[in-house]
């Protein structure tokens, strides 16, 4: 029997996003069970967006990525360093989880997560992070994650 996970919806691609990518959003009408590559994407996004120390079963799980939301971060280097660390940490969390599991579905096994771009608005108040996830079945998806870094 397959294990299902909750779903974080990827909206249809728009603008400069690749056709197989999308914008991460919440807004689906009902809960659905997911397996395969979508399950891996959801798990990775959950690891990225979970604040480290807030998971009661594993205090090391999660990243500091969500702390960028509403933060007063100045300088592109600081933003880039924080995003790179968070992406690497989320990837390592998923790989650690997978090492403890007996996964047989190659589409649910993370191969790599690569930052494609980190863009900032002219004011520096908003950033967008483009990440490509690739699984062991050689499937990939590009995801753009928007973040508002400062309070207006």
C-alpha atoms as a PDB file:
ATOM      1  CA  UNK A   1       0.000   0.000   0.000  1.00  0.00           C
ATOM      2  CA  UNK A   2       1.342   3.416  -0.945  1.00  0.00           C
ATOM      3  CA  UNK A   3       1.816   6.071   1.700  1.00  0.00           C
ATOM      4  CA  UNK A   4       0.256   9.419   0.784  1.00  0.00           C
ATOM      5  CA  UNK A   5       1.284  12.896   1.819  1.00  0.00           C
ATOM      6  CA  UNK A   6      -0.473  16.266   1.957  1.00  0.00           C
ATOM      7  CA  UNK A   7      -0.282  18.483  -1.106  1.00  0.00           C
ATOM      8  CA  UNK A   8       1.312  21.884  -1.774  1.00  0.00           C
ATOM      9  CA  UNK A   9      -0.030  22.940  -5.156  1.00  0.00           C
ATOM     10  CA  UNK A  10       2.174  24.183  -7.976  1.00  0.00           C
ATOM     11  CA  UNK A  11       0.298  26.751 -10.055  1.00  0.00           C
ATOM     12  CA  UNK A  12       0.584  26.646 -13.852  1.00  0.00           C
ATOM     13  CA  UNK A  13       3.728  28.241 -15.216  1.00  0.00           C
ATOM     14  CA  UNK A  14       3.588  31.933 -16.095  1.00  0.00           C
ATOM     15  CA  UNK A  15       6.050  34.437 -17.456  1.00  0.00           C
ATOM     16  CA  UNK A  16       9.641  33.284 -17.484  1.00  0.00           C
ATOM     17  CA  UNK A  17       9.021  30.048 -15.600  1.00  0.00           C
ATOM     18  CA  UNK A  18       9.662  26.829 -17.474  1.00  0.00           C
ATOM     19  CA  UNK A  19       6.545  24.926 -18.597  1.00  0.00           C
ATOM     20  CA  UNK A  20       7.238  22.117 -16.121  1.00  0.00           C
ATOM     21  CA  UNK A  21       7.579  24.564 -13.228  1.00  0.00           C
ATOM     22  CA  UNK A  22       5.235  26.793 -11.340  1.00  0.00           C
ATOM     23  CA  UNK A  23       4.728  29.145  -8.457  1.00  0.00           C
ATOM     24  CA  UNK A  24       4.265  27.590  -5.049  1.00  0.00           C
ATOM     25  CA  UNK A  25       0.877  28.551  -3.653  1.00  0.00           C
ATOM     26  CA  UNK A  26      -1.810  27.437  -1.300  1.00  0.00           C
ATOM     27  CA  UNK A  27      -5.349  27.535  -2.577  1.00  0.00           C
ATOM     28  CA  UNK A  28      -6.521  24.110  -3.593  1.00  0.00           C
ATOM     29  CA  UNK A  29     -10.139  23.329  -2.781  1.00  0.00           C
ATOM     30  CA  UNK A  30      -9.771  19.966  -1.060  1.00  0.00           C
ATOM     31  CA  UNK A  31      -7.147  17.663   0.373  1.00  0.00           C
ATOM     32  CA  UNK A  32      -5.718  15.127  -2.022  1.00  0.00           C
ATOM     33  CA  UNK A  33      -3.316  12.252  -1.565  1.00  0.00           C
ATOM     34  CA  UNK A  34      -0.092  12.437  -3.523  1.00  0.00           C
ATOM     35  CA  UNK A  35       2.647   9.945  -4.345  1.00  0.00           C
ATOM     36  CA  UNK A  36       5.722   9.950  -6.552  1.00  0.00           C
ATOM     37  CA  UNK A  37       7.553  13.110  -7.550  1.00  0.00           C
ATOM     38  CA  UNK A  38       4.837  15.434  -6.211  1.00  0.00           C
ATOM     39  CA  UNK A  39       5.213  13.785  -2.786  1.00  0.00           C
ATOM     40  CA  UNK A  40       8.962  14.460  -2.884  1.00  0.00           C
ATOM     41  CA  UNK A  41       8.372  18.100  -3.881  1.00  0.00           C
ATOM     42  CA  UNK A  42       5.946  18.519  -0.985  1.00  0.00           C
ATOM     43  CA  UNK A  43       8.346  16.966   1.521  1.00  0.00           C
ATOM     44  CA  UNK A  44      11.216  19.184   0.353  1.00  0.00           C
ATOM     45  CA  UNK A  45       9.087  22.350   0.490  1.00  0.00           C
ATOM     46  CA  UNK A  46       7.868  21.378   3.957  1.00  0.00           C
ATOM     47  CA  UNK A  47      11.469  20.916   5.115  1.00  0.00           C
ATOM     48  CA  UNK A  48      12.429  24.299   3.617  1.00  0.00           C
ATOM     49  CA  UNK A  49       9.501  26.181   5.160  1.00  0.00           C
ATOM     50  CA  UNK A  50       9.553  24.527   8.605  1.00  0.00           C
ATOM     51  CA  UNK A  51      11.423  26.651  11.122  1.00  0.00           C
ATOM     52  CA  UNK A  52      14.267  24.656  12.662  1.00  0.00           C
ATOM     53  CA  UNK A  53      13.445  23.563  16.200  1.00  0.00           C
ATOM     54  CA  UNK A  54       9.660  23.575  15.783  1.00  0.00           C
ATOM     55  CA  UNK A  55       9.185  19.895  14.859  1.00  0.00           C
ATOM     56  CA  UNK A  56       8.564  18.151  18.174  1.00  0.00           C
ATOM     57  CA  UNK A  57       9.729  14.759  16.898  1.00  0.00           C
ATOM     58  CA  UNK A  58      13.026  16.082  15.494  1.00  0.00           C
ATOM     59  CA  UNK A  59      14.336  19.450  16.717  1.00  0.00           C
ATOM     60  CA  UNK A  60      17.059  19.472  14.015  1.00  0.00           C
ATOM     61  CA  UNK A  61      14.494  19.261  11.183  1.00  0.00           C
ATOM     62  CA  UNK A  62      13.804  22.458   9.244  1.00  0.00           C
ATOM     63  CA  UNK A  63      15.649  25.574   8.162  1.00  0.00           C
ATOM     64  CA  UNK A  64      15.823  29.278   8.847  1.00  0.00           C
ATOM     65  CA  UNK A  65      14.236  30.124   5.491  1.00  0.00           C
ATOM     66  CA  UNK A  66      10.904  31.177   6.967  1.00  0.00           C
ATOM     67  CA  UNK A  67      12.696  33.698   9.196  1.00  0.00           C
ATOM     68  CA  UNK A  68      13.482  35.680   6.026  1.00  0.00           C
ATOM     69  CA  UNK A  69       9.779  36.525   5.799  1.00  0.00           C
ATOM     70  CA  UNK A  70       9.352  39.911   7.426  1.00  0.00           C
ATOM     71  CA  UNK A  71      13.033  40.143   8.359  1.00  0.00           C
ATOM     72  CA  UNK A  72      15.082  43.278   7.933  1.00  0.00           C
ATOM     73  CA  UNK A  73      17.818  41.736   5.831  1.00  0.00           C
ATOM     74  CA  UNK A  74      20.144  44.153   4.159  1.00  0.00           C
ATOM     75  CA  UNK A  75      22.522  43.255   1.426  1.00  0.00           C
ATOM     76  CA  UNK A  76      22.250  40.716  -1.331  1.00  0.00           C
ATOM     77  CA  UNK A  77      25.133  38.668   0.104  1.00  0.00           C
ATOM     78  CA  UNK A  78      23.307  38.107   3.394  1.00  0.00           C
ATOM     79  CA  UNK A  79      20.151  37.061   1.583  1.00  0.00           C
ATOM     80  CA  UNK A  80      22.050  34.745  -0.746  1.00  0.00           C
ATOM     81  CA  UNK A  81      23.955  33.119   2.122  1.00  0.00           C
ATOM     82  CA  UNK A  82      20.747  32.554   4.110  1.00  0.00           C
ATOM     83  CA  UNK A  83      18.937  31.063   1.100  1.00  0.00           C
ATOM     84  CA  UNK A  84      21.862  28.805   0.145  1.00  0.00           C
ATOM     85  CA  UNK A  85      22.137  27.511   3.701  1.00  0.00           C
ATOM     86  CA  UNK A  86      18.378  26.867   3.908  1.00  0.00           C
ATOM     87  CA  UNK A  87      18.251  25.013   0.575  1.00  0.00           C
ATOM     88  CA  UNK A  88      21.249  22.862   1.542  1.00  0.00           C
ATOM     89  CA  UNK A  89      19.725  22.139   4.966  1.00  0.00           C
ATOM     90  CA  UNK A  90      16.319  21.175   3.506  1.00  0.00           C
ATOM     91  CA  UNK A  91      18.049  18.891   1.007  1.00  0.00           C
ATOM     92  CA  UNK A  92      20.098  17.236   3.748  1.00  0.00           C
ATOM     93  CA  UNK A  93      17.006  16.802   5.943  1.00  0.00           C
ATOM     94  CA  UNK A  94      15.222  14.972   3.120  1.00  0.00           C
ATOM     95  CA  UNK A  95      18.254  12.809   2.345  1.00  0.00           C
ATOM     96  CA  UNK A  96      18.581  11.913   6.049  1.00  0.00           C
ATOM     97  CA  UNK A  97      14.892  10.977   6.121  1.00  0.00           C
ATOM     98  CA  UNK A  98      15.271   8.875   2.987  1.00  0.00           C
ATOM     99  CA  UNK A  99      18.282   7.053   4.426  1.00  0.00           C
ATOM    100  CA  UNK A 100      16.061   5.865   7.297  1.00  0.00           C
ATOM    101  CA  UNK A 101      13.252   4.713   4.995  1.00  0.00           C
ATOM    102  CA  UNK A 102      12.989   1.775   2.641  1.00  0.00           C
ATOM    103  CA  UNK A 103      11.946   3.722  -0.429  1.00  0.00           C
ATOM    104  CA  UNK A 104      11.438   1.771  -3.633  1.00  0.00           C
ATOM    105  CA  UNK A 105       9.857   4.506  -5.760  1.00  0.00           C
ATOM    106  CA  UNK A 106      12.735   6.307  -7.490  1.00  0.00           C
ATOM    107  CA  UNK A 107      10.475   9.297  -8.153  1.00  0.00           C
ATOM    108  CA  UNK A 108      10.243   9.895  -4.383  1.00  0.00           C
ATOM    109  CA  UNK A 109      14.030   9.908  -3.867  1.00  0.00           C
ATOM    110  CA  UNK A 110      15.765  13.294  -3.965  1.00  0.00           C
ATOM    111  CA  UNK A 111      18.860  13.462  -6.127  1.00  0.00           C
ATOM    112  CA  UNK A 112      19.614  17.179  -5.812  1.00  0.00           C
ATOM    113  CA  UNK A 113      18.223  20.663  -5.258  1.00  0.00           C
ATOM    114  CA  UNK A 114      19.954  23.442  -7.168  1.00  0.00           C
ATOM    115  CA  UNK A 115      19.416  27.176  -6.759  1.00  0.00           C
ATOM    116  CA  UNK A 116      18.881  28.597 -10.238  1.00  0.00           C
ATOM    117  CA  UNK A 117      18.436  32.229  -9.286  1.00  0.00           C
ATOM    118  CA  UNK A 118      17.897  34.592  -6.403  1.00  0.00           C
ATOM    119  CA  UNK A 119      16.358  37.858  -7.556  1.00  0.00           C
ATOM    120  CA  UNK A 120      15.550  40.926  -5.503  1.00  0.00           C
ATOM    121  CA  UNK A 121      13.232  43.848  -6.170  1.00  0.00           C
ATOM    122  CA  UNK A 122      14.895  47.256  -6.652  1.00  0.00           C
ATOM    123  CA  UNK A 123      13.935  48.211  -3.085  1.00  0.00           C
ATOM    124  CA  UNK A 124      15.231  44.906  -1.734  1.00  0.00           C
ATOM    125  CA  UNK A 125      11.910  44.317   0.026  1.00  0.00           C
ATOM    126  CA  UNK A 126      11.047  41.236  -2.019  1.00  0.00           C
ATOM    127  CA  UNK A 127      13.082  38.301  -3.208  1.00  0.00           C
ATOM    128  CA  UNK A 128      12.269  35.338  -5.409  1.00  0.00           C
ATOM    129  CA  UNK A 129      14.172  32.082  -5.198  1.00  0.00           C
ATOM    130  CA  UNK A 130      14.156  29.669  -8.148  1.00  0.00           C
ATOM    131  CA  UNK A 131      15.125  26.124  -7.267  1.00  0.00           C
ATOM    132  CA  UNK A 132      15.312  23.025  -9.438  1.00  0.00           C
ATOM    133  CA  UNK A 133      14.549  19.718  -7.748  1.00  0.00           C
ATOM    134  CA  UNK A 134      15.674  16.491  -9.391  1.00  0.00           C
ATOM    135  CA  UNK A 135      14.768  12.987  -8.287  1.00  0.00           C
ATOM    136  CA  UNK A 136      16.480   9.628  -8.804  1.00  0.00           C
ATOM    137  CA  UNK A 137      14.103   8.849 -11.709  1.00  0.00           C
ATOM    138  CA  UNK A 138      15.718  11.797 -13.558  1.00  0.00           C
ATOM    139  CA  UNK A 139      12.590  13.971 -13.349  1.00  0.00           C
ATOM    140  CA  UNK A 140      13.009  17.627 -12.496  1.00  0.00           C
ATOM    141  CA  UNK A 141      10.872  20.641 -11.700  1.00  0.00           C
ATOM    142  CA  UNK A 142      11.676  24.330 -11.321  1.00  0.00           C
ATOM    143  CA  UNK A 143       9.955  26.115  -8.459  1.00  0.00           C
ATOM    144  CA  UNK A 144       9.867  29.838  -7.741  1.00  0.00           C
ATOM    145  CA  UNK A 145       9.342  30.783  -4.105  1.00  0.00           C
ATOM    146  CA  UNK A 146       8.485  34.458  -3.489  1.00  0.00           C
ATOM    147  CA  UNK A 147       9.441  36.028  -0.145  1.00  0.00           C
ATOM    148  CA  UNK A 148       8.688  39.493   1.201  1.00  0.00           C
ATOM    149  CA  UNK A 149      11.722  40.245   3.347  1.00  0.00           C
ATOM    150  CA  UNK A 150      10.824  43.549   4.989  1.00  0.00           C
ATOM    151  CA  UNK A 151       7.720  44.969   6.538  1.00  0.00           C
ATOM    152  CA  UNK A 152       6.260  47.990   4.764  1.00  0.00           C
END
